[in-house]
N, C-alpha and C. Protein backbone atom coordinates (compact mmCIF):
# COMPACT_ATOMS: atom_id res chain seq x y z
N MET A 1 -38.33 -6.99 -68.01
CA MET A 1 -38.44 -7.42 -66.49
C MET A 1 -39.34 -8.67 -66.36
N ASP A 2 -38.85 -9.70 -65.55
CA ASP A 2 -39.54 -10.89 -65.92
C ASP A 2 -40.09 -11.26 -64.40
N ASP A 3 -41.36 -11.81 -64.28
CA ASP A 3 -41.85 -12.30 -62.91
C ASP A 3 -42.18 -13.70 -62.92
N SER A 4 -41.89 -14.44 -63.85
CA SER A 4 -42.02 -15.66 -64.05
C SER A 4 -41.67 -16.51 -63.08
N LYS A 5 -40.95 -16.13 -62.04
CA LYS A 5 -40.58 -16.98 -60.88
C LYS A 5 -41.78 -17.10 -59.97
N GLY A 6 -42.57 -15.79 -60.09
CA GLY A 6 -43.56 -15.74 -59.02
C GLY A 6 -43.32 -14.90 -57.90
N ALA A 7 -43.97 -15.34 -56.93
CA ALA A 7 -43.64 -14.82 -55.54
C ALA A 7 -42.86 -16.36 -54.75
N ASN A 8 -42.24 -16.03 -53.69
CA ASN A 8 -41.58 -17.27 -52.96
C ASN A 8 -42.28 -17.32 -51.74
N ASN A 9 -42.11 -18.15 -50.57
CA ASN A 9 -42.97 -18.51 -49.43
C ASN A 9 -42.63 -17.32 -48.59
N THR A 10 -41.88 -16.33 -48.55
CA THR A 10 -41.92 -15.14 -47.84
C THR A 10 -42.86 -14.32 -48.10
N GLY A 11 -43.29 -14.14 -49.31
CA GLY A 11 -44.52 -13.25 -49.52
C GLY A 11 -43.70 -12.23 -50.54
N GLU A 12 -42.19 -12.36 -50.94
CA GLU A 12 -41.55 -11.34 -51.80
C GLU A 12 -41.57 -11.85 -53.24
N THR A 13 -41.23 -10.99 -54.04
CA THR A 13 -41.47 -11.16 -55.38
C THR A 13 -40.05 -11.11 -55.84
N LEU A 14 -39.73 -12.12 -56.83
CA LEU A 14 -38.63 -12.15 -57.32
C LEU A 14 -38.50 -11.30 -58.75
N ILE A 15 -37.56 -10.48 -58.99
CA ILE A 15 -37.69 -9.54 -60.21
C ILE A 15 -36.16 -9.69 -60.77
N THR A 16 -36.05 -9.83 -62.16
CA THR A 16 -34.82 -9.82 -62.85
C THR A 16 -34.97 -8.78 -63.99
N ALA A 17 -34.13 -7.97 -64.11
CA ALA A 17 -33.93 -7.00 -65.11
C ALA A 17 -33.74 -7.83 -66.50
N GLU A 18 -34.50 -7.12 -67.44
CA GLU A 18 -34.23 -7.85 -69.03
C GLU A 18 -34.24 -6.34 -69.99
N LYS A 19 -33.11 -6.54 -70.82
CA LYS A 19 -33.03 -5.53 -71.77
C LYS A 19 -34.42 -5.26 -72.51
N TYR A 20 -34.79 -3.83 -72.80
CA TYR A 20 -36.21 -3.53 -73.40
C TYR A 20 -36.34 -4.34 -75.03
N ARG A 21 -35.01 -4.35 -75.70
CA ARG A 21 -35.07 -4.47 -76.83
C ARG A 21 -35.51 -6.50 -76.75
N ASN A 22 -34.69 -6.95 -75.83
CA ASN A 22 -35.12 -8.36 -75.67
C ASN A 22 -36.07 -8.53 -75.20
N PHE A 23 -37.07 -7.92 -74.63
CA PHE A 23 -38.44 -8.36 -74.34
C PHE A 23 -39.21 -8.25 -75.29
N VAL A 24 -38.82 -6.75 -76.01
CA VAL A 24 -39.93 -6.77 -77.42
C VAL A 24 -39.34 -7.83 -78.52
N GLY A 25 -38.42 -8.38 -78.28
CA GLY A 25 -37.83 -9.74 -79.53
C GLY A 25 -38.92 -10.97 -78.84
N LYS A 26 -39.34 -10.98 -77.62
CA LYS A 26 -39.73 -12.08 -77.50
C LYS A 26 -41.30 -11.92 -77.33
N ASN A 27 -41.64 -10.55 -77.37
CA ASN A 27 -43.26 -10.13 -77.58
C ASN A 27 -43.47 -9.08 -78.44
N PRO A 28 -43.27 -9.19 -79.40
CA PRO A 28 -43.59 -8.54 -80.71
C PRO A 28 -44.84 -7.59 -80.66
N ASP A 29 -45.86 -8.09 -79.79
CA ASP A 29 -47.11 -7.37 -80.02
C ASP A 29 -47.18 -6.32 -78.81
N LYS A 30 -46.18 -6.57 -77.81
CA LYS A 30 -45.83 -5.23 -76.56
C LYS A 30 -44.85 -4.20 -76.68
N VAL A 31 -45.01 -3.23 -77.68
CA VAL A 31 -43.69 -2.22 -77.90
C VAL A 31 -44.06 -1.03 -77.11
N THR A 32 -45.29 -0.82 -76.65
CA THR A 32 -45.06 0.17 -75.78
C THR A 32 -44.05 0.52 -74.68
N TYR A 33 -43.35 1.43 -74.62
CA TYR A 33 -42.01 1.74 -73.87
C TYR A 33 -41.94 1.21 -72.45
N PHE A 34 -43.05 1.23 -71.65
CA PHE A 34 -43.11 0.81 -70.68
C PHE A 34 -43.65 -0.46 -70.27
N GLN A 35 -44.19 -1.21 -71.15
CA GLN A 35 -44.95 -2.21 -70.96
C GLN A 35 -44.77 -3.52 -70.51
N PRO A 36 -43.60 -3.78 -70.08
CA PRO A 36 -42.96 -4.86 -69.11
C PRO A 36 -43.09 -4.46 -67.97
N VAL A 37 -43.04 -3.16 -67.29
CA VAL A 37 -43.54 -2.70 -66.04
C VAL A 37 -44.64 -2.75 -65.65
N LEU A 38 -45.73 -2.18 -66.90
CA LEU A 38 -47.15 -2.21 -66.45
C LEU A 38 -47.51 -3.62 -66.72
N ASP A 39 -47.03 -4.48 -67.28
CA ASP A 39 -47.40 -6.07 -67.33
C ASP A 39 -47.58 -6.76 -65.82
N THR A 40 -46.40 -6.26 -65.24
CA THR A 40 -45.80 -6.83 -63.96
C THR A 40 -46.77 -6.34 -62.77
N LEU A 41 -47.01 -5.00 -63.10
CA LEU A 41 -47.83 -4.26 -62.10
C LEU A 41 -49.24 -4.75 -62.21
N ASP A 42 -49.67 -5.44 -63.52
CA ASP A 42 -51.37 -5.40 -63.93
C ASP A 42 -51.85 -3.95 -64.11
N VAL A 43 -51.14 -3.07 -64.67
CA VAL A 43 -51.85 -1.94 -65.03
C VAL A 43 -52.37 -1.99 -66.14
N VAL A 44 -53.84 -1.35 -66.33
CA VAL A 44 -54.51 -1.47 -67.34
C VAL A 44 -55.02 0.10 -67.70
N PRO A 45 -54.50 0.59 -68.63
CA PRO A 45 -54.96 2.56 -68.68
C PRO A 45 -56.42 2.32 -68.54
N SER A 46 -57.12 3.34 -67.89
CA SER A 46 -58.64 3.39 -67.91
C SER A 46 -59.18 4.22 -69.20
N LYS A 47 -59.98 3.99 -69.80
CA LYS A 47 -60.59 4.78 -70.87
C LYS A 47 -61.16 6.21 -70.24
N LEU A 48 -61.33 6.04 -68.94
CA LEU A 48 -61.99 7.10 -68.26
C LEU A 48 -60.96 8.59 -68.25
N ASP A 49 -59.46 7.85 -68.49
CA ASP A 49 -58.20 8.75 -68.66
C ASP A 49 -58.76 9.83 -69.80
N LEU A 50 -59.56 9.46 -70.81
CA LEU A 50 -59.66 10.26 -71.98
C LEU A 50 -60.61 11.30 -71.84
N THR A 51 -60.24 12.70 -71.32
CA THR A 51 -61.42 13.66 -71.36
C THR A 51 -60.92 14.91 -71.96
N ARG A 52 -60.00 14.65 -73.09
CA ARG A 52 -59.62 15.64 -74.13
C ARG A 52 -60.10 15.51 -75.46
N LYS A 53 -60.28 16.53 -76.27
CA LYS A 53 -60.70 16.49 -77.57
C LYS A 53 -59.61 15.22 -78.20
N SER A 54 -60.18 14.21 -79.22
CA SER A 54 -59.09 13.28 -79.32
C SER A 54 -59.39 13.20 -81.08
N VAL A 55 -58.37 12.55 -81.63
CA VAL A 55 -58.23 11.74 -82.98
C VAL A 55 -58.03 10.31 -82.71
N LEU A 56 -59.18 9.48 -83.31
CA LEU A 56 -58.98 8.01 -83.07
C LEU A 56 -58.13 7.48 -84.25
N VAL A 57 -57.07 6.74 -84.29
CA VAL A 57 -56.53 6.26 -85.18
C VAL A 57 -56.73 4.37 -84.80
N GLU A 58 -55.99 3.79 -85.91
CA GLU A 58 -56.48 2.60 -86.05
C GLU A 58 -55.50 1.73 -85.06
N GLY A 59 -54.32 1.88 -84.83
CA GLY A 59 -53.55 1.26 -84.02
C GLY A 59 -52.30 1.85 -83.40
N LYS A 60 -51.06 1.08 -82.63
CA LYS A 60 -50.44 1.73 -81.93
C LYS A 60 -49.24 2.12 -82.80
N GLY A 61 -48.79 1.43 -84.01
CA GLY A 61 -47.86 1.71 -85.19
C GLY A 61 -48.52 3.27 -85.65
N ASP A 62 -49.70 3.67 -85.55
CA ASP A 62 -50.00 4.70 -86.24
C ASP A 62 -49.99 6.03 -85.17
N TYR A 63 -50.06 5.40 -84.05
CA TYR A 63 -50.06 6.48 -82.96
C TYR A 63 -48.82 6.95 -82.87
N PHE A 64 -47.63 5.96 -82.67
CA PHE A 64 -46.30 6.29 -82.51
C PHE A 64 -45.67 7.10 -83.52
N ILE A 65 -45.79 6.93 -85.11
CA ILE A 65 -45.63 7.48 -86.11
C ILE A 65 -46.07 8.71 -85.79
N LEU A 66 -47.08 9.26 -85.68
CA LEU A 66 -47.91 10.28 -85.57
C LEU A 66 -47.35 11.32 -84.26
N GLU A 67 -47.41 10.70 -83.39
CA GLU A 67 -47.14 11.56 -81.81
C GLU A 67 -45.62 12.04 -82.10
N TYR A 68 -44.80 10.91 -82.46
CA TYR A 68 -43.20 11.21 -82.45
C TYR A 68 -43.01 12.31 -83.80
N GLY A 69 -43.73 12.32 -84.54
CA GLY A 69 -43.63 13.70 -85.39
C GLY A 69 -44.19 14.94 -84.83
N ARG A 70 -45.25 14.68 -84.18
CA ARG A 70 -45.88 15.85 -83.71
C ARG A 70 -45.12 16.31 -82.80
N ARG A 71 -45.13 15.51 -81.55
CA ARG A 71 -44.12 16.07 -80.38
C ARG A 71 -42.82 16.75 -80.57
N VAL A 72 -42.44 15.53 -81.33
CA VAL A 72 -40.69 15.91 -81.19
C VAL A 72 -40.42 16.84 -82.51
N LEU A 73 -40.46 16.56 -83.63
CA LEU A 73 -40.40 16.95 -84.93
C LEU A 73 -40.93 18.71 -84.98
N LEU A 74 -42.31 18.59 -84.94
CA LEU A 74 -43.13 19.96 -84.84
C LEU A 74 -42.88 20.48 -83.36
N ASN A 75 -42.83 19.84 -82.38
CA ASN A 75 -43.03 20.56 -81.11
C ASN A 75 -44.32 21.11 -80.86
N SER A 76 -44.89 20.27 -81.30
CA SER A 76 -46.59 20.52 -80.88
C SER A 76 -47.21 20.93 -79.78
N ASN A 77 -47.90 21.80 -79.34
CA ASN A 77 -48.71 22.23 -78.07
C ASN A 77 -50.10 22.05 -78.31
N SER A 78 -50.68 21.27 -79.38
CA SER A 78 -51.68 21.45 -79.61
C SER A 78 -52.40 20.10 -78.47
N ASP A 79 -53.91 20.69 -78.07
CA ASP A 79 -54.33 20.15 -76.76
C ASP A 79 -55.08 19.04 -77.34
N PHE A 80 -55.00 18.10 -78.09
CA PHE A 80 -55.77 16.93 -78.48
C PHE A 80 -54.75 15.79 -78.27
N TYR A 81 -55.63 14.96 -78.05
CA TYR A 81 -54.75 13.38 -78.04
C TYR A 81 -54.92 12.58 -79.44
N VAL A 82 -53.83 12.09 -79.81
CA VAL A 82 -53.96 10.76 -80.85
C VAL A 82 -54.21 9.45 -79.87
N VAL A 83 -55.37 8.81 -80.20
CA VAL A 83 -55.65 7.52 -79.63
C VAL A 83 -55.65 6.38 -80.35
N PRO A 84 -54.60 5.42 -80.06
CA PRO A 84 -54.76 4.14 -80.75
C PRO A 84 -56.10 3.40 -80.20
N THR A 85 -56.42 2.48 -81.12
CA THR A 85 -57.45 1.62 -81.08
C THR A 85 -57.20 0.15 -81.34
N ARG A 86 -58.17 -0.57 -81.52
CA ARG A 86 -58.28 -1.96 -82.03
C ARG A 86 -58.20 -2.48 -83.48
N GLY A 87 -58.21 -1.23 -84.52
CA GLY A 87 -58.20 -1.48 -85.80
C GLY A 87 -59.53 -0.55 -86.23
N ALA A 88 -59.37 -0.68 -87.50
CA ALA A 88 -60.22 0.29 -88.50
C ALA A 88 -61.91 -0.10 -87.91
N THR A 89 -62.13 -1.50 -87.32
CA THR A 89 -63.36 -1.87 -87.31
C THR A 89 -63.44 -1.80 -85.57
N GLY A 90 -62.55 -1.48 -84.84
CA GLY A 90 -62.57 -1.78 -83.30
C GLY A 90 -62.66 -0.36 -82.57
N MET A 91 -63.49 0.29 -83.17
CA MET A 91 -63.87 2.14 -82.46
C MET A 91 -65.04 2.02 -81.67
N ASP A 92 -66.07 1.35 -82.12
CA ASP A 92 -67.12 1.55 -81.33
C ASP A 92 -67.03 1.74 -80.07
N GLU A 93 -66.77 1.16 -78.97
CA GLU A 93 -67.06 1.41 -77.58
C GLU A 93 -66.30 2.79 -77.39
N LEU A 94 -65.08 3.27 -78.21
CA LEU A 94 -64.71 4.60 -77.74
C LEU A 94 -65.64 5.95 -78.29
N ILE A 95 -66.09 5.43 -79.65
CA ILE A 95 -66.98 6.34 -80.28
C ILE A 95 -68.45 6.46 -79.30
N GLY A 96 -68.98 5.42 -78.73
CA GLY A 96 -70.07 5.55 -77.69
C GLY A 96 -69.70 6.48 -76.47
N LEU A 97 -68.46 6.26 -76.00
CA LEU A 97 -68.15 7.14 -74.91
C LEU A 97 -67.86 8.49 -75.11
N PHE A 98 -67.21 8.72 -75.98
CA PHE A 98 -66.97 10.39 -76.55
C PHE A 98 -68.48 10.80 -76.86
N LEU A 99 -69.08 10.20 -77.46
CA LEU A 99 -70.60 10.91 -77.74
C LEU A 99 -71.35 11.02 -76.62
N GLY A 100 -71.18 9.85 -75.53
CA GLY A 100 -71.87 10.17 -73.92
C GLY A 100 -71.68 11.35 -73.22
N TRP A 101 -70.56 11.46 -73.19
CA TRP A 101 -69.41 12.40 -72.67
C TRP A 101 -69.51 14.09 -73.28
N GLY A 102 -69.68 13.92 -74.51
CA GLY A 102 -69.85 15.05 -75.39
C GLY A 102 -68.33 15.82 -75.41
N ILE A 103 -67.45 14.80 -75.59
CA ILE A 103 -66.28 15.15 -76.00
C ILE A 103 -65.86 15.13 -77.78
N PRO A 104 -65.49 16.63 -77.84
CA PRO A 104 -65.18 16.55 -79.35
C PRO A 104 -63.97 15.34 -79.87
N PHE A 105 -64.45 14.71 -81.12
CA PHE A 105 -63.28 13.67 -81.66
C PHE A 105 -63.61 13.71 -82.79
N LEU A 106 -62.39 13.13 -83.47
CA LEU A 106 -62.13 12.80 -85.17
C LEU A 106 -61.93 11.30 -84.80
N ILE A 107 -62.11 10.96 -86.24
CA ILE A 107 -61.73 9.28 -86.69
C ILE A 107 -61.01 9.60 -88.10
N CYS A 108 -59.61 8.93 -88.01
CA CYS A 108 -58.91 9.22 -89.04
C CYS A 108 -58.50 7.70 -89.20
N LEU A 109 -58.70 7.05 -90.15
CA LEU A 109 -58.58 5.85 -90.93
C LEU A 109 -57.73 5.53 -92.04
N ASP A 110 -57.06 4.46 -92.08
CA ASP A 110 -56.37 4.21 -93.82
C ASP A 110 -57.26 4.38 -94.74
N ASP A 111 -56.46 4.82 -95.82
CA ASP A 111 -57.49 5.03 -96.95
C ASP A 111 -57.21 3.49 -97.77
N ASP A 112 -57.62 2.46 -97.33
CA ASP A 112 -57.41 1.18 -97.91
C ASP A 112 -58.97 0.80 -97.89
N LYS A 113 -59.20 -0.46 -98.25
CA LYS A 113 -60.57 -1.18 -98.40
C LYS A 113 -61.19 -1.22 -96.93
N GLU A 114 -60.57 -1.63 -96.23
CA GLU A 114 -61.02 -1.80 -95.01
C GLU A 114 -61.49 -0.42 -94.18
N GLY A 115 -60.41 0.38 -94.34
CA GLY A 115 -60.70 2.01 -93.83
C GLY A 115 -62.11 2.68 -94.45
N ARG A 116 -62.20 2.47 -95.66
CA ARG A 116 -63.22 3.35 -96.28
C ARG A 116 -64.52 2.52 -95.91
N ALA A 117 -64.61 1.04 -95.81
CA ALA A 117 -65.53 0.65 -95.42
C ALA A 117 -66.24 1.06 -93.97
N ALA A 118 -65.32 1.15 -93.24
CA ALA A 118 -65.23 1.51 -91.62
C ALA A 118 -65.96 2.77 -91.53
N GLN A 119 -65.23 3.70 -92.45
CA GLN A 119 -65.56 5.16 -92.61
C GLN A 119 -67.37 5.14 -93.03
N LYS A 120 -67.51 4.44 -93.99
CA LYS A 120 -69.19 4.65 -94.07
C LYS A 120 -69.69 3.91 -92.99
N LYS A 121 -69.37 2.54 -92.61
CA LYS A 121 -70.22 2.15 -91.37
C LYS A 121 -70.22 3.07 -89.77
N TYR A 122 -69.22 3.71 -89.54
CA TYR A 122 -69.23 4.78 -88.44
C TYR A 122 -70.43 5.87 -88.79
N ILE A 123 -70.21 6.36 -90.09
CA ILE A 123 -71.14 7.62 -90.66
C ILE A 123 -72.52 7.14 -90.19
N GLU A 124 -72.95 6.04 -90.95
CA GLU A 124 -74.19 5.43 -91.06
C GLU A 124 -74.83 4.79 -89.60
N SER A 125 -73.87 4.36 -88.81
CA SER A 125 -74.45 3.76 -87.58
C SER A 125 -74.48 4.48 -86.60
N TRP A 126 -73.70 5.43 -86.57
CA TRP A 126 -73.46 6.45 -85.17
C TRP A 126 -74.09 7.64 -85.82
N GLY A 127 -74.37 7.92 -86.96
CA GLY A 127 -75.14 9.52 -87.57
C GLY A 127 -73.73 10.61 -87.31
N LEU A 128 -72.64 9.98 -87.35
CA LEU A 128 -71.37 10.97 -87.64
C LEU A 128 -71.40 11.62 -88.82
N PRO A 129 -70.96 13.16 -88.73
CA PRO A 129 -70.90 14.02 -89.92
C PRO A 129 -69.73 13.48 -90.66
N ARG A 130 -69.64 13.53 -91.85
CA ARG A 130 -68.67 12.96 -92.72
C ARG A 130 -67.27 14.10 -92.65
N SER A 131 -67.60 15.15 -92.11
CA SER A 131 -66.27 15.95 -91.91
C SER A 131 -65.52 15.60 -90.70
N LYS A 132 -66.26 14.61 -89.98
CA LYS A 132 -65.11 13.98 -88.61
C LYS A 132 -64.79 12.54 -88.89
N VAL A 133 -65.09 11.96 -89.88
CA VAL A 133 -64.78 10.79 -90.04
C VAL A 133 -63.85 10.81 -91.51
N TRP A 134 -62.50 10.64 -91.09
CA TRP A 134 -61.72 10.68 -92.64
C TRP A 134 -61.10 9.30 -92.98
N THR A 135 -60.67 9.49 -93.91
CA THR A 135 -59.49 8.54 -94.38
C THR A 135 -58.09 9.32 -94.71
N LEU A 136 -57.17 8.47 -94.53
CA LEU A 136 -55.60 9.73 -94.64
C LEU A 136 -55.84 10.32 -96.15
N ALA A 137 -56.94 9.84 -97.10
CA ALA A 137 -57.11 10.84 -98.80
C ALA A 137 -57.48 12.15 -98.05
N ASP A 138 -58.40 12.27 -97.24
CA ASP A 138 -58.76 13.57 -96.76
C ASP A 138 -57.57 14.45 -96.30
N ILE A 139 -56.65 14.22 -95.80
CA ILE A 139 -55.12 14.89 -95.53
C ILE A 139 -54.36 15.35 -96.71
N ALA A 140 -53.92 14.33 -97.72
CA ALA A 140 -53.28 14.91 -98.56
C ALA A 140 -53.50 13.67 -99.52
N ASP A 141 -53.19 13.95 -100.99
CA ASP A 141 -53.34 13.50 -102.27
C ASP A 141 -52.18 12.41 -102.19
N GLN A 142 -51.03 12.88 -101.51
CA GLN A 142 -50.07 11.65 -101.61
C GLN A 142 -50.56 10.56 -100.65
N LEU A 143 -51.52 10.57 -99.82
CA LEU A 143 -52.01 9.45 -98.87
C LEU A 143 -53.18 8.38 -99.55
N ILE A 144 -53.51 8.92 -100.64
CA ILE A 144 -54.50 7.86 -101.36
C ILE A 144 -54.11 6.57 -101.26
N ASN A 145 -55.08 5.73 -100.84
CA ASN A 145 -54.53 4.12 -100.83
C ASN A 145 -53.74 3.72 -100.07
N LYS A 146 -53.15 4.80 -99.16
CA LYS A 146 -52.17 4.42 -98.23
C LYS A 146 -52.57 4.51 -96.59
N GLU A 147 -51.63 3.43 -95.96
CA GLU A 147 -51.74 3.49 -94.52
C GLU A 147 -50.93 4.62 -94.04
N VAL A 148 -51.10 4.33 -92.60
CA VAL A 148 -50.13 5.43 -91.82
C VAL A 148 -48.87 5.67 -91.77
N SER A 149 -47.96 4.23 -92.32
CA SER A 149 -46.62 4.40 -92.84
C SER A 149 -46.29 5.00 -94.01
N GLY A 150 -47.50 5.40 -94.67
CA GLY A 150 -47.18 6.25 -96.20
C GLY A 150 -46.89 7.67 -95.56
N PHE A 151 -46.75 8.27 -94.51
CA PHE A 151 -46.06 9.09 -94.08
C PHE A 151 -44.93 9.49 -94.27
N LEU A 152 -43.89 8.22 -94.25
CA LEU A 152 -42.78 7.78 -94.33
C LEU A 152 -41.98 7.85 -95.89
N ASP A 153 -41.28 8.71 -95.95
CA ASP A 153 -40.67 8.51 -97.39
C ASP A 153 -39.42 7.47 -97.34
N LYS A 154 -38.98 6.84 -98.29
CA LYS A 154 -38.02 6.19 -98.60
C LYS A 154 -36.61 6.46 -97.66
N SER A 155 -36.20 7.71 -97.71
CA SER A 155 -35.07 8.00 -96.57
C SER A 155 -35.81 7.92 -95.28
N ASP A 156 -36.84 7.87 -95.10
CA ASP A 156 -37.25 7.53 -93.31
C ASP A 156 -36.99 5.95 -93.18
N LEU A 157 -37.27 5.29 -94.22
CA LEU A 157 -37.18 3.95 -94.11
C LEU A 157 -35.61 3.47 -94.05
N GLU A 158 -34.76 4.18 -94.79
CA GLU A 158 -33.53 4.09 -94.77
C GLU A 158 -32.98 4.38 -93.17
N ILE A 159 -33.38 5.36 -92.74
CA ILE A 159 -32.90 5.73 -91.49
C ILE A 159 -33.35 4.61 -90.20
N ILE A 160 -34.44 3.94 -90.47
CA ILE A 160 -35.06 2.77 -89.54
C ILE A 160 -34.01 1.79 -89.93
N LYS A 161 -34.03 1.58 -91.11
CA LYS A 161 -33.07 0.39 -91.56
C LYS A 161 -31.49 0.35 -90.93
N SER A 162 -31.23 1.38 -91.06
CA SER A 162 -29.79 1.78 -90.58
C SER A 162 -29.80 1.77 -89.02
N HIS A 163 -30.78 1.91 -88.34
CA HIS A 163 -30.89 2.26 -86.72
C HIS A 163 -30.87 0.64 -86.25
N PHE A 164 -31.66 -0.25 -86.97
CA PHE A 164 -31.40 -1.57 -86.40
C PHE A 164 -30.39 -2.40 -87.15
N ASN A 165 -29.44 -1.84 -88.19
CA ASN A 165 -28.74 -2.86 -89.11
C ASN A 165 -29.26 -3.70 -89.64
N LEU A 166 -30.33 -3.59 -90.56
CA LEU A 166 -31.26 -4.42 -91.15
C LEU A 166 -30.70 -4.89 -92.53
N ASP A 167 -30.80 -5.90 -93.16
CA ASP A 167 -30.29 -5.92 -94.42
C ASP A 167 -31.35 -5.71 -95.52
N LYS A 168 -32.48 -5.70 -94.90
CA LYS A 168 -33.95 -5.36 -96.06
C LYS A 168 -34.87 -4.21 -95.18
N GLY A 169 -35.85 -3.89 -95.71
CA GLY A 169 -36.66 -2.90 -95.27
C GLY A 169 -37.27 -3.40 -94.13
N PRO A 170 -37.76 -2.28 -93.14
CA PRO A 170 -38.45 -2.75 -91.77
C PRO A 170 -39.61 -3.12 -91.82
N THR A 171 -39.90 -4.22 -90.76
CA THR A 171 -40.94 -4.48 -90.57
C THR A 171 -42.16 -3.46 -89.92
N LYS A 172 -43.15 -3.74 -90.05
CA LYS A 172 -44.26 -2.85 -89.23
C LYS A 172 -43.75 -2.77 -87.90
N SER A 173 -43.84 -3.87 -87.06
CA SER A 173 -42.98 -3.87 -85.58
C SER A 173 -41.92 -3.10 -85.28
N GLN A 174 -40.68 -3.39 -86.43
CA GLN A 174 -39.64 -2.39 -86.42
C GLN A 174 -39.73 -0.95 -86.48
N ILE A 175 -40.72 -0.69 -87.45
CA ILE A 175 -40.93 0.72 -87.69
C ILE A 175 -41.70 1.41 -86.29
N GLN A 176 -42.70 0.70 -85.80
CA GLN A 176 -43.20 0.89 -84.33
C GLN A 176 -42.31 1.10 -83.15
N LEU A 177 -41.68 0.05 -83.04
CA LEU A 177 -40.38 0.09 -82.06
C LEU A 177 -39.42 1.39 -82.41
N PHE A 178 -39.25 1.43 -83.62
CA PHE A 178 -38.23 2.81 -83.93
C PHE A 178 -38.90 4.03 -83.40
N PHE A 179 -40.12 4.39 -83.60
CA PHE A 179 -40.65 5.67 -83.30
C PHE A 179 -41.11 5.67 -81.86
N SER A 180 -41.44 4.45 -80.96
CA SER A 180 -41.81 4.24 -79.94
C SER A 180 -40.55 4.88 -78.96
N GLU A 181 -39.14 4.40 -79.44
CA GLU A 181 -38.06 4.33 -78.64
C GLU A 181 -37.63 5.92 -78.60
N ASN A 182 -37.79 6.44 -79.91
CA ASN A 182 -37.42 7.72 -80.39
C ASN A 182 -38.37 8.96 -79.65
N LEU A 183 -39.65 8.61 -79.41
CA LEU A 183 -40.46 9.29 -78.84
C LEU A 183 -40.28 9.34 -77.25
N ALA A 184 -40.15 8.51 -76.75
CA ALA A 184 -39.75 8.27 -75.29
C ALA A 184 -38.57 9.21 -74.95
N LYS A 185 -37.37 9.02 -75.60
CA LYS A 185 -36.35 9.65 -75.41
C LYS A 185 -36.68 11.30 -75.97
N LYS A 186 -37.30 11.78 -76.85
CA LYS A 186 -37.69 12.74 -77.29
C LYS A 186 -36.33 13.13 -78.26
N GLN A 187 -36.10 11.95 -78.98
CA GLN A 187 -34.67 12.15 -79.88
C GLN A 187 -35.20 12.62 -81.15
N GLU A 188 -34.56 13.79 -81.52
CA GLU A 188 -34.69 14.66 -82.44
C GLU A 188 -34.20 14.11 -83.79
N LEU A 189 -34.43 13.52 -84.84
CA LEU A 189 -33.72 13.07 -85.98
C LEU A 189 -34.09 13.71 -87.42
N SER A 190 -33.23 13.81 -88.18
CA SER A 190 -33.26 14.30 -89.18
C SER A 190 -34.32 13.29 -90.49
N MET A 191 -35.48 13.44 -90.07
CA MET A 191 -36.38 12.76 -90.74
C MET A 191 -36.73 13.75 -92.22
N SER A 192 -37.18 13.16 -93.21
CA SER A 192 -37.56 13.62 -94.43
C SER A 192 -38.24 14.73 -94.52
N GLU A 193 -38.18 15.71 -95.13
CA GLU A 193 -39.37 16.80 -95.81
C GLU A 193 -40.76 16.40 -96.15
N PHE A 194 -40.71 15.10 -96.58
CA PHE A 194 -42.08 14.71 -96.98
C PHE A 194 -43.14 14.16 -95.61
N TYR A 195 -41.98 13.90 -94.81
CA TYR A 195 -42.70 13.23 -93.70
C TYR A 195 -43.36 14.28 -92.55
N VAL A 196 -42.39 15.34 -92.59
CA VAL A 196 -42.53 16.55 -91.85
C VAL A 196 -43.87 17.23 -92.62
N GLU A 197 -43.86 17.31 -93.75
CA GLU A 197 -45.14 18.20 -94.47
C GLU A 197 -46.17 17.39 -94.33
N LEU A 198 -46.36 16.31 -94.21
CA LEU A 198 -47.74 15.83 -94.18
C LEU A 198 -48.26 15.52 -92.57
N LEU A 199 -47.24 15.61 -91.89
CA LEU A 199 -47.26 15.86 -90.37
C LEU A 199 -48.26 17.22 -90.11
N SER A 200 -47.36 18.21 -90.76
CA SER A 200 -48.10 19.33 -90.62
C SER A 200 -49.42 19.48 -91.28
N GLN A 201 -49.74 18.91 -92.29
CA GLN A 201 -51.17 19.02 -93.01
C GLN A 201 -51.98 18.34 -91.93
N PHE A 202 -51.52 16.96 -91.28
CA PHE A 202 -52.40 16.28 -90.24
C PHE A 202 -52.69 17.10 -89.13
N GLU A 203 -51.91 17.72 -88.39
CA GLU A 203 -51.69 18.61 -87.46
C GLU A 203 -52.92 19.91 -87.60
N ALA A 204 -52.37 20.49 -88.81
CA ALA A 204 -53.41 21.53 -89.10
C ALA A 204 -55.21 21.32 -89.14
N LYS A 205 -55.32 20.36 -90.03
CA LYS A 205 -56.60 19.92 -90.39
C LYS A 205 -57.19 19.66 -89.18
N THR A 206 -56.60 18.75 -88.16
CA THR A 206 -57.08 18.37 -87.27
C THR A 206 -57.39 19.22 -86.12
N ARG A 207 -56.70 20.43 -85.98
CA ARG A 207 -56.94 21.31 -85.03
C ARG A 207 -57.68 22.11 -85.67
N GLN A 208 -58.09 22.38 -86.87
CA GLN A 208 -59.24 23.13 -87.35
C GLN A 208 -60.48 22.50 -87.28
N ALA A 209 -60.65 21.14 -87.40
CA ALA A 209 -61.80 20.19 -87.32
C ALA A 209 -62.28 20.14 -85.95
N LEU A 210 -61.23 19.99 -84.97
CA LEU A 210 -61.38 20.48 -83.64
C LEU A 210 -61.65 21.76 -82.90
N ASN A 211 -61.94 22.59 -83.67
CA ASN A 211 -62.14 23.90 -83.09
C ASN A 211 -61.14 24.47 -82.41
N GLU A 212 -59.85 24.17 -82.72
CA GLU A 212 -58.58 24.72 -81.88
C GLU A 212 -58.28 26.04 -82.61
N ILE A 213 -58.29 26.35 -84.02
CA ILE A 213 -58.08 27.56 -84.46
C ILE A 213 -59.39 28.03 -85.32
């Protein structure tokens, strides 16, 4: 959707349709499925909408990989949010809100240098228990030194590569777009047992830590 022409003298707004993939090609940082509409309407999701138990992750790509797997492949009915943030060091505002509201939450960071440093910072600066501030290595040994894209097997990356007719491996933006599209469509794909097993471990550990089981 393109509102670049703005409003005319009659007070009407001129709107033209644009294919979602074309929009994402021009705006690689805006791959949320309805982002063009939200931008046009000046809609900003409110943090006050977050009233359920949550697990904070580093970004949108992490969110889509985990939520597609949980909601579509595992058909999860768990009553917690996966909440994308502004990166490993950008969680302080949400931590403060959740603590103030008394809402149970976890932090799940990449198991890289930045993630481990952020883990130490949040534990020390906010007084959070180690059991509620993880890196991916706390979920499975296969995720030691990995980002959330480490949930994906080589065969999963081949599926994404084929989906976009790529000559080489998908970029982070393409992986994010793949999972956002298929989450929105609830499209069940034949992803690897490796991916499904790590998702199951993430789901079980999170539910246990949030006292759902």
